[in-house]
Amino acid sequence: MHEHNSHQSHQSAPNISSANEAQAKQEWSNLERDLSVLGQQLAELRMHTSALGEHFINNLQARYQDVQNRAQGFKQATERQLDELRDSTWQQATEAGVRSKETARQIWERSEPLRQGARDVGEGLGRAWTELRASLGKAASRLQTEDERAAAQSVPTSPPTPEQRHDTF
């Protein structure tokens, strides 16, 4: 009878854990997809370097790479912390001889700040990209307007007529 209960508790914990892992992997997948889209949009901006300035685009690319590296580092640290928390909890539950849904719920609750942090990072990147994109659009429009004005002002006029030349003396 005791072996049967022990077997059931080992089965329910991995099912909950795998569901939690699947959700966490999905959240990371979404963040990585968003970072990839951001990278593609940044690459598209490179086509407009003449209007926006190569130094600005290079600086923006470096900052994007920094954000992407930090996100990857955060992911790895989070995964490491989750693994340590999982191992610690599993060891504690094994030592106590109890593995229950309550223990799995506690694991899930303890990891909530980590999941929330990942969501916050993703949302912050999305907001930052939206604001940056709007600013770049405005800057490109201003540059285009200024270029059009400069072109309109530099249109050569016809040479003065002899009468106009005579009036200036």
N, C-alpha and C. Protein backbone atom coordinates (compact mmCIF):
# COMPACT_ATOMS: atom_id res chain seq x y z
N MET A 1 0.83 -1.19 0.00
CA MET A 1 0.00 0.00 0.00
C MET A 1 0.86 1.24 0.00
N HIS A 2 1.92 1.30 0.81
CA HIS A 2 2.81 2.47 0.88
C HIS A 2 3.53 2.69 -0.46
N GLU A 3 3.95 1.60 -1.12
CA GLU A 3 4.63 1.73 -2.40
C GLU A 3 3.70 2.31 -3.44
N HIS A 4 2.43 1.92 -3.41
CA HIS A 4 1.47 2.42 -4.38
C HIS A 4 1.28 3.93 -4.22
N ASN A 5 1.16 4.44 -3.01
CA ASN A 5 1.00 5.87 -2.77
C ASN A 5 2.25 6.64 -3.19
N SER A 6 3.40 6.08 -2.90
CA SER A 6 4.66 6.71 -3.28
C SER A 6 4.74 6.82 -4.79
N HIS A 7 4.32 5.78 -5.50
CA HIS A 7 4.34 5.79 -6.96
C HIS A 7 3.41 6.86 -7.50
N GLN A 8 2.23 7.01 -6.92
CA GLN A 8 1.28 8.04 -7.37
C GLN A 8 1.84 9.43 -7.16
N SER A 9 2.46 9.69 -6.04
CA SER A 9 2.98 11.03 -5.77
C SER A 9 4.12 11.35 -6.72
N HIS A 10 4.94 10.37 -7.13
CA HIS A 10 6.01 10.62 -8.08
C HIS A 10 5.44 10.95 -9.46
N GLN A 11 4.29 10.37 -9.79
CA GLN A 11 3.69 10.65 -11.09
C GLN A 11 3.05 12.03 -11.13
N SER A 12 2.37 12.45 -10.09
CA SER A 12 1.67 13.74 -10.13
C SER A 12 2.63 14.92 -10.12
N ALA A 13 3.73 14.82 -9.40
CA ALA A 13 4.69 15.93 -9.33
C ALA A 13 5.33 16.20 -10.69
N PRO A 14 5.83 15.19 -11.42
CA PRO A 14 6.41 15.47 -12.73
C PRO A 14 5.38 16.06 -13.70
N ASN A 15 4.11 15.63 -13.60
CA ASN A 15 3.10 16.19 -14.50
C ASN A 15 2.92 17.67 -14.25
N ILE A 16 2.88 18.08 -13.00
CA ILE A 16 2.74 19.50 -12.67
C ILE A 16 4.01 20.23 -13.07
N SER A 17 5.15 19.63 -12.76
CA SER A 17 6.43 20.25 -13.10
C SER A 17 6.56 20.41 -14.61
N SER A 18 6.18 19.40 -15.39
CA SER A 18 6.31 19.50 -16.84
C SER A 18 5.33 20.53 -17.40
N ALA A 19 4.18 20.69 -16.79
CA ALA A 19 3.25 21.73 -17.23
C ALA A 19 3.84 23.11 -16.94
N ASN A 20 4.45 23.25 -15.77
CA ASN A 20 5.08 24.53 -15.42
C ASN A 20 6.26 24.82 -16.35
N GLU A 21 7.05 23.78 -16.63
CA GLU A 21 8.18 23.96 -17.53
C GLU A 21 7.70 24.34 -18.92
N ALA A 22 6.62 23.72 -19.37
CA ALA A 22 6.09 24.03 -20.69
C ALA A 22 5.64 25.49 -20.74
N GLN A 23 5.00 25.96 -19.69
CA GLN A 23 4.57 27.36 -19.66
C GLN A 23 5.78 28.29 -19.66
N ALA A 24 6.77 27.98 -18.84
CA ALA A 24 7.97 28.82 -18.77
C ALA A 24 8.69 28.82 -20.13
N LYS A 25 8.80 27.64 -20.75
CA LYS A 25 9.44 27.58 -22.07
C LYS A 25 8.67 28.39 -23.10
N GLN A 26 7.34 28.36 -23.02
CA GLN A 26 6.52 29.14 -23.94
C GLN A 26 6.75 30.63 -23.74
N GLU A 27 6.85 31.07 -22.48
CA GLU A 27 7.10 32.49 -22.19
C GLU A 27 8.47 32.90 -22.73
N TRP A 28 9.48 32.06 -22.54
CA TRP A 28 10.81 32.38 -23.06
C TRP A 28 10.80 32.38 -24.58
N SER A 29 10.07 31.44 -25.15
CA SER A 29 9.97 31.38 -26.60
C SER A 29 9.36 32.67 -27.15
N ASN A 30 8.33 33.16 -26.47
CA ASN A 30 7.70 34.41 -26.90
C ASN A 30 8.69 35.58 -26.79
N LEU A 31 9.45 35.63 -25.70
CA LEU A 31 10.44 36.70 -25.53
C LEU A 31 11.50 36.61 -26.62
N GLU A 32 12.00 35.40 -26.89
CA GLU A 32 13.02 35.24 -27.92
C GLU A 32 12.46 35.62 -29.29
N ARG A 33 11.19 35.29 -29.57
CA ARG A 33 10.57 35.66 -30.83
C ARG A 33 10.49 37.18 -30.94
N ASP A 34 10.08 37.84 -29.86
CA ASP A 34 10.00 39.30 -29.86
C ASP A 34 11.37 39.93 -30.08
N LEU A 35 12.41 39.37 -29.45
CA LEU A 35 13.76 39.88 -29.66
C LEU A 35 14.21 39.68 -31.11
N SER A 36 13.82 38.55 -31.69
CA SER A 36 14.17 38.28 -33.07
C SER A 36 13.49 39.29 -34.00
N VAL A 37 12.22 39.56 -33.76
CA VAL A 37 11.49 40.55 -34.56
C VAL A 37 12.15 41.92 -34.41
N LEU A 38 12.52 42.26 -33.19
CA LEU A 38 13.20 43.53 -32.93
C LEU A 38 14.51 43.59 -33.72
N GLY A 39 15.25 42.52 -33.73
CA GLY A 39 16.49 42.47 -34.49
C GLY A 39 16.26 42.63 -35.98
N GLN A 40 15.21 42.01 -36.50
CA GLN A 40 14.90 42.14 -37.92
C GLN A 40 14.51 43.58 -38.26
N GLN A 41 13.72 44.19 -37.39
CA GLN A 41 13.33 45.58 -37.64
C GLN A 41 14.53 46.50 -37.56
N LEU A 42 15.42 46.22 -36.66
CA LEU A 42 16.65 47.02 -36.56
C LEU A 42 17.49 46.86 -37.83
N ALA A 43 17.56 45.65 -38.34
CA ALA A 43 18.29 45.41 -39.59
C ALA A 43 17.66 46.19 -40.74
N GLU A 44 16.33 46.28 -40.74
CA GLU A 44 15.64 47.04 -41.79
C GLU A 44 15.99 48.53 -41.69
N LEU A 45 16.22 49.02 -40.49
CA LEU A 45 16.60 50.42 -40.31
C LEU A 45 17.94 50.72 -40.98
N ARG A 46 18.80 49.70 -41.09
CA ARG A 46 20.11 49.89 -41.69
C ARG A 46 19.98 50.42 -43.12
N MET A 47 18.85 50.10 -43.78
CA MET A 47 18.65 50.57 -45.15
C MET A 47 18.47 52.09 -45.18
N HIS A 48 18.16 52.67 -44.04
CA HIS A 48 17.91 54.11 -43.98
C HIS A 48 19.04 54.85 -43.29
N THR A 49 20.24 54.31 -43.36
CA THR A 49 21.36 54.93 -42.65
C THR A 49 21.67 56.32 -43.17
N SER A 50 21.44 56.55 -44.46
CA SER A 50 21.76 57.88 -44.99
C SER A 50 20.87 58.94 -44.36
N ALA A 51 19.62 58.60 -44.08
CA ALA A 51 18.71 59.57 -43.48
C ALA A 51 18.90 59.66 -41.97
N LEU A 52 19.16 58.55 -41.33
CA LEU A 52 19.23 58.52 -39.87
C LEU A 52 20.65 58.68 -39.32
N GLY A 53 21.62 58.41 -40.13
CA GLY A 53 23.00 58.54 -39.67
C GLY A 53 23.57 57.19 -39.26
N GLU A 54 24.69 56.85 -39.84
CA GLU A 54 25.29 55.54 -39.59
C GLU A 54 25.70 55.37 -38.13
N HIS A 55 26.24 56.43 -37.52
CA HIS A 55 26.65 56.34 -36.11
C HIS A 55 25.44 56.02 -35.22
N PHE A 56 24.33 56.67 -35.49
CA PHE A 56 23.11 56.43 -34.71
C PHE A 56 22.66 54.98 -34.85
N ILE A 57 22.64 54.48 -36.07
CA ILE A 57 22.21 53.09 -36.33
C ILE A 57 23.18 52.12 -35.65
N ASN A 58 24.49 52.38 -35.74
CA ASN A 58 25.47 51.49 -35.09
C ASN A 58 25.29 51.49 -33.58
N ASN A 59 25.04 52.67 -33.01
CA ASN A 59 24.80 52.79 -31.58
C ASN A 59 23.54 52.02 -31.18
N LEU A 60 22.50 52.17 -31.98
CA LEU A 60 21.24 51.47 -31.72
C LEU A 60 21.45 49.96 -31.81
N GLN A 61 22.21 49.52 -32.80
CA GLN A 61 22.50 48.08 -32.97
C GLN A 61 23.27 47.56 -31.76
N ALA A 62 24.24 48.33 -31.26
CA ALA A 62 25.02 47.90 -30.10
C ALA A 62 24.13 47.80 -28.86
N ARG A 63 23.24 48.75 -28.69
CA ARG A 63 22.33 48.70 -27.54
C ARG A 63 21.39 47.51 -27.64
N TYR A 64 20.89 47.24 -28.86
CA TYR A 64 20.02 46.08 -29.05
C TYR A 64 20.77 44.80 -28.68
N GLN A 65 22.01 44.68 -29.14
CA GLN A 65 22.80 43.49 -28.84
C GLN A 65 23.01 43.35 -27.34
N ASP A 66 23.24 44.47 -26.66
CA ASP A 66 23.40 44.47 -25.21
C ASP A 66 22.12 43.97 -24.53
N VAL A 67 20.98 44.47 -24.97
CA VAL A 67 19.70 44.04 -24.40
C VAL A 67 19.49 42.55 -24.65
N GLN A 68 19.79 42.11 -25.85
CA GLN A 68 19.62 40.70 -26.18
C GLN A 68 20.55 39.83 -25.32
N ASN A 69 21.79 40.26 -25.13
CA ASN A 69 22.72 39.51 -24.29
C ASN A 69 22.24 39.47 -22.84
N ARG A 70 21.74 40.61 -22.36
CA ARG A 70 21.24 40.64 -20.98
C ARG A 70 20.01 39.73 -20.82
N ALA A 71 19.14 39.74 -21.81
CA ALA A 71 17.96 38.87 -21.75
C ALA A 71 18.38 37.41 -21.72
N GLN A 72 19.36 37.07 -22.54
CA GLN A 72 19.86 35.68 -22.56
C GLN A 72 20.49 35.33 -21.21
N GLY A 73 21.27 36.25 -20.65
CA GLY A 73 21.88 36.03 -19.34
C GLY A 73 20.82 35.88 -18.26
N PHE A 74 19.78 36.72 -18.33
CA PHE A 74 18.68 36.64 -17.37
C PHE A 74 17.99 35.28 -17.50
N LYS A 75 17.78 34.84 -18.74
CA LYS A 75 17.13 33.54 -18.96
C LYS A 75 17.97 32.42 -18.34
N GLN A 76 19.26 32.45 -18.60
CA GLN A 76 20.12 31.39 -18.07
C GLN A 76 20.15 31.42 -16.54
N ALA A 77 20.24 32.62 -15.97
CA ALA A 77 20.25 32.73 -14.50
C ALA A 77 18.92 32.25 -13.93
N THR A 78 17.84 32.61 -14.58
CA THR A 78 16.51 32.18 -14.13
C THR A 78 16.37 30.67 -14.21
N GLU A 79 16.82 30.10 -15.32
CA GLU A 79 16.75 28.64 -15.46
C GLU A 79 17.60 27.95 -14.39
N ARG A 80 18.77 28.51 -14.14
CA ARG A 80 19.65 27.95 -13.12
C ARG A 80 18.98 28.02 -11.75
N GLN A 81 18.38 29.17 -11.42
CA GLN A 81 17.69 29.33 -10.14
C GLN A 81 16.51 28.37 -10.03
N LEU A 82 15.77 28.25 -11.13
CA LEU A 82 14.63 27.32 -11.12
C LEU A 82 15.11 25.88 -10.92
N ASP A 83 16.19 25.52 -11.60
CA ASP A 83 16.74 24.17 -11.44
C ASP A 83 17.18 23.93 -9.99
N GLU A 84 17.87 24.92 -9.41
CA GLU A 84 18.32 24.79 -8.02
C GLU A 84 17.12 24.69 -7.08
N LEU A 85 16.11 25.50 -7.34
CA LEU A 85 14.91 25.48 -6.51
C LEU A 85 14.20 24.13 -6.66
N ARG A 86 14.12 23.64 -7.88
CA ARG A 86 13.50 22.33 -8.13
C ARG A 86 14.27 21.23 -7.41
N ASP A 87 15.61 21.25 -7.56
CA ASP A 87 16.43 20.23 -6.91
C ASP A 87 16.29 20.29 -5.40
N SER A 88 16.35 21.49 -4.86
CA SER A 88 16.23 21.66 -3.41
C SER A 88 14.87 21.18 -2.92
N THR A 89 13.83 21.56 -3.62
CA THR A 89 12.48 21.16 -3.21
C THR A 89 12.31 19.65 -3.34
N TRP A 90 12.83 19.10 -4.43
CA TRP A 90 12.72 17.66 -4.63
C TRP A 90 13.45 16.92 -3.51
N GLN A 91 14.64 17.40 -3.16
CA GLN A 91 15.42 16.77 -2.09
C GLN A 91 14.66 16.86 -0.77
N GLN A 92 14.12 18.03 -0.47
CA GLN A 92 13.37 18.20 0.78
C GLN A 92 12.15 17.28 0.81
N ALA A 93 11.45 17.19 -0.31
CA ALA A 93 10.26 16.34 -0.35
C ALA A 93 10.63 14.87 -0.24
N THR A 94 11.75 14.50 -0.88
CA THR A 94 12.18 13.10 -0.81
C THR A 94 12.60 12.74 0.61
N GLU A 95 13.35 13.64 1.25
CA GLU A 95 13.78 13.40 2.62
C GLU A 95 12.59 13.29 3.57
N ALA A 96 11.61 14.05 3.36
CA ALA A 96 10.42 14.01 4.23
C ALA A 96 9.50 12.86 3.85
N GLY A 97 9.73 12.29 2.67
CA GLY A 97 8.89 11.17 2.25
C GLY A 97 7.53 11.62 1.75
N VAL A 98 7.39 12.91 1.48
CA VAL A 98 6.09 13.43 1.06
C VAL A 98 6.26 14.18 -0.26
N ARG A 99 5.46 13.81 -1.20
CA ARG A 99 5.45 14.52 -2.48
C ARG A 99 3.98 14.75 -2.82
N SER A 100 3.54 15.96 -2.79
CA SER A 100 2.12 16.20 -2.97
C SER A 100 1.87 17.39 -3.89
N LYS A 101 0.62 17.59 -4.18
CA LYS A 101 0.24 18.73 -5.00
C LYS A 101 0.57 20.04 -4.28
N GLU A 102 0.48 20.04 -2.97
CA GLU A 102 0.80 21.23 -2.19
C GLU A 102 2.26 21.62 -2.39
N THR A 103 3.14 20.63 -2.40
CA THR A 103 4.57 20.91 -2.60
C THR A 103 4.78 21.50 -4.00
N ALA A 104 4.12 20.93 -4.98
CA ALA A 104 4.24 21.44 -6.34
C ALA A 104 3.70 22.87 -6.43
N ARG A 105 2.61 23.16 -5.76
CA ARG A 105 2.05 24.50 -5.75
C ARG A 105 3.03 25.48 -5.11
N GLN A 106 3.69 25.06 -4.03
CA GLN A 106 4.66 25.92 -3.37
C GLN A 106 5.84 26.22 -4.30
N ILE A 107 6.28 25.22 -5.03
CA ILE A 107 7.37 25.42 -5.99
C ILE A 107 6.94 26.46 -7.02
N TRP A 108 5.75 26.29 -7.51
CA TRP A 108 5.22 27.21 -8.51
C TRP A 108 5.13 28.63 -7.95
N GLU A 109 4.65 28.76 -6.74
CA GLU A 109 4.51 30.08 -6.12
C GLU A 109 5.87 30.73 -5.88
N ARG A 110 6.85 29.94 -5.47
CA ARG A 110 8.19 30.50 -5.23
C ARG A 110 8.84 30.98 -6.51
N SER A 111 8.51 30.36 -7.62
CA SER A 111 9.13 30.76 -8.88
C SER A 111 8.36 31.90 -9.56
N GLU A 112 7.24 32.33 -9.02
CA GLU A 112 6.45 33.40 -9.62
C GLU A 112 7.25 34.69 -9.82
N PRO A 113 8.04 35.14 -8.84
CA PRO A 113 8.81 36.38 -9.08
C PRO A 113 9.75 36.26 -10.29
N LEU A 114 10.29 35.09 -10.51
CA LEU A 114 11.17 34.90 -11.66
C LEU A 114 10.38 34.99 -12.96
N ARG A 115 9.22 34.36 -12.99
CA ARG A 115 8.38 34.42 -14.19
C ARG A 115 7.91 35.85 -14.43
N GLN A 116 7.53 36.53 -13.36
CA GLN A 116 7.07 37.91 -13.50
C GLN A 116 8.20 38.80 -14.01
N GLY A 117 9.40 38.56 -13.52
CA GLY A 117 10.55 39.33 -14.00
C GLY A 117 10.76 39.13 -15.49
N ALA A 118 10.62 37.91 -15.95
CA ALA A 118 10.77 37.63 -17.39
C ALA A 118 9.68 38.34 -18.19
N ARG A 119 8.46 38.31 -17.69
CA ARG A 119 7.37 39.02 -18.37
C ARG A 119 7.65 40.52 -18.42
N ASP A 120 8.10 41.06 -17.30
CA ASP A 120 8.40 42.50 -17.23
C ASP A 120 9.48 42.89 -18.23
N VAL A 121 10.52 42.06 -18.33
CA VAL A 121 11.59 42.34 -19.29
C VAL A 121 11.02 42.35 -20.71
N GLY A 122 10.21 41.37 -21.02
CA GLY A 122 9.61 41.30 -22.36
C GLY A 122 8.71 42.50 -22.66
N GLU A 123 7.87 42.86 -21.70
CA GLU A 123 6.98 44.00 -21.89
C GLU A 123 7.78 45.30 -22.01
N GLY A 124 8.82 45.43 -21.19
CA GLY A 124 9.65 46.64 -21.26
C GLY A 124 10.33 46.77 -22.60
N LEU A 125 10.83 45.66 -23.13
CA LEU A 125 11.46 45.69 -24.45
C LEU A 125 10.45 46.09 -25.52
N GLY A 126 9.24 45.55 -25.40
CA GLY A 126 8.20 45.89 -26.37
C GLY A 126 7.86 47.37 -26.33
N ARG A 127 7.69 47.92 -25.13
CA ARG A 127 7.38 49.35 -25.00
C ARG A 127 8.54 50.20 -25.52
N ALA A 128 9.77 49.82 -25.17
CA ALA A 128 10.94 50.59 -25.60
C ALA A 128 11.04 50.58 -27.12
N TRP A 129 10.79 49.44 -27.73
CA TRP A 129 10.88 49.35 -29.18
C TRP A 129 9.80 50.21 -29.83
N THR A 130 8.59 50.19 -29.28
CA THR A 130 7.51 50.99 -29.84
C THR A 130 7.85 52.47 -29.79
N GLU A 131 8.36 52.92 -28.65
CA GLU A 131 8.74 54.33 -28.50
C GLU A 131 9.90 54.68 -29.43
N LEU A 132 10.87 53.80 -29.52
CA LEU A 132 12.03 54.04 -30.37
C LEU A 132 11.61 54.10 -31.84
N ARG A 133 10.75 53.21 -32.22
CA ARG A 133 10.27 53.15 -33.61
C ARG A 133 9.53 54.44 -33.97
N ALA A 134 8.68 54.91 -33.04
CA ALA A 134 7.94 56.16 -33.28
C ALA A 134 8.92 57.33 -33.40
N SER A 135 9.91 57.40 -32.52
CA SER A 135 10.90 58.48 -32.57
C SER A 135 11.69 58.45 -33.88
N LEU A 136 12.08 57.27 -34.30
CA LEU A 136 12.84 57.16 -35.55
C LEU A 136 11.99 57.56 -36.74
N GLY A 137 10.71 57.21 -36.71
CA GLY A 137 9.81 57.60 -37.78
C GLY A 137 9.68 59.11 -37.86
N LYS A 138 9.55 59.75 -36.71
CA LYS A 138 9.46 61.22 -36.67
C LYS A 138 10.76 61.84 -37.19
N ALA A 139 11.89 61.30 -36.76
CA ALA A 139 13.18 61.83 -37.19
C ALA A 139 13.35 61.68 -38.70
N ALA A 140 12.99 60.55 -39.23
CA ALA A 140 13.11 60.32 -40.67
C ALA A 140 12.19 61.26 -41.43
N SER A 141 10.98 61.49 -40.93
CA SER A 141 10.05 62.42 -41.58
C SER A 141 10.61 63.83 -41.58
N ARG A 142 11.17 64.26 -40.44
CA ARG A 142 11.75 65.60 -40.37
C ARG A 142 12.90 65.74 -41.36
N LEU A 143 13.76 64.74 -41.42
CA LEU A 143 14.89 64.80 -42.35
C LEU A 143 14.41 64.87 -43.79
N GLN A 144 13.39 64.10 -44.10
CA GLN A 144 12.87 64.09 -45.46
C GLN A 144 12.26 65.46 -45.79
N THR A 145 11.53 66.04 -44.84
CA THR A 145 10.93 67.36 -45.04
C THR A 145 12.01 68.41 -45.23
N GLU A 146 13.06 68.35 -44.42
CA GLU A 146 14.16 69.31 -44.55
C GLU A 146 14.87 69.15 -45.89
N ASP A 147 15.06 67.91 -46.32
CA ASP A 147 15.69 67.67 -47.62
C ASP A 147 14.84 68.23 -48.76
N GLU A 148 13.53 68.06 -48.65
CA GLU A 148 12.63 68.57 -49.69
C GLU A 148 12.66 70.09 -49.72
N ARG A 149 12.68 70.72 -48.54
CA ARG A 149 12.75 72.19 -48.49
C ARG A 149 14.07 72.68 -49.09
N ALA A 150 15.16 72.03 -48.73
CA ALA A 150 16.47 72.43 -49.25
C ALA A 150 16.50 72.28 -50.77
N ALA A 151 15.91 71.21 -51.26
CA ALA A 151 15.89 70.98 -52.70
C ALA A 151 15.04 72.05 -53.39
N ALA A 152 13.92 72.41 -52.77
CA ALA A 152 13.04 73.42 -53.36
C ALA A 152 13.72 74.79 -53.36
N GLN A 153 14.49 75.10 -52.35
CA GLN A 153 15.16 76.40 -52.27
C GLN A 153 16.36 76.49 -53.21
N SER A 154 16.94 75.38 -53.53
CA SER A 154 18.13 75.42 -54.38
C SER A 154 17.81 75.25 -55.86
N VAL A 155 16.52 75.30 -56.23
CA VAL A 155 16.14 75.21 -57.64
C VAL A 155 16.66 76.47 -58.34
N PRO A 156 17.45 76.31 -59.40
CA PRO A 156 18.01 77.49 -60.06
C PRO A 156 16.91 78.33 -60.71
N THR A 157 17.04 79.61 -60.58
CA THR A 157 16.08 80.52 -61.22
C THR A 157 16.65 80.93 -62.57
N SER A 158 15.79 81.47 -63.41
CA SER A 158 16.27 81.88 -64.74
C SER A 158 17.16 83.11 -64.59
N PRO A 159 18.11 83.29 -65.48
CA PRO A 159 19.02 84.44 -65.38
C PRO A 159 18.23 85.76 -65.52
N PRO A 160 18.71 86.83 -64.91
CA PRO A 160 17.98 88.10 -64.99
C PRO A 160 17.96 88.63 -66.42
N THR A 161 16.86 89.26 -66.71
CA THR A 161 16.73 89.86 -68.05
C THR A 161 17.59 91.11 -68.11
N PRO A 162 17.88 91.61 -69.30
CA PRO A 162 18.69 92.83 -69.40
C PRO A 162 18.05 94.01 -68.65
N GLU A 163 16.72 94.08 -68.65
CA GLU A 163 16.04 95.17 -67.94
C GLU A 163 16.26 95.05 -66.45
N GLN A 164 16.22 93.81 -65.93
CA GLN A 164 16.43 93.60 -64.50
C GLN A 164 17.85 93.98 -64.13
N ARG A 165 18.81 93.67 -65.02
CA ARG A 165 20.19 94.01 -64.75
C ARG A 165 20.38 95.53 -64.74
N HIS A 166 19.69 96.20 -65.66
CA HIS A 166 19.81 97.65 -65.75
C HIS A 166 19.23 98.32 -64.51
N ASP A 167 18.15 97.75 -63.92
CA ASP A 167 17.51 98.32 -62.74
C ASP A 167 18.40 98.21 -61.51
N THR A 168 19.27 97.25 -61.47
CA THR A 168 20.10 97.08 -60.27
C THR A 168 21.25 98.08 -60.24
N PHE A 169 21.61 98.71 -61.35
CA PHE A 169 22.74 99.66 -61.34
C PHE A 169 22.28 100.98 -61.02
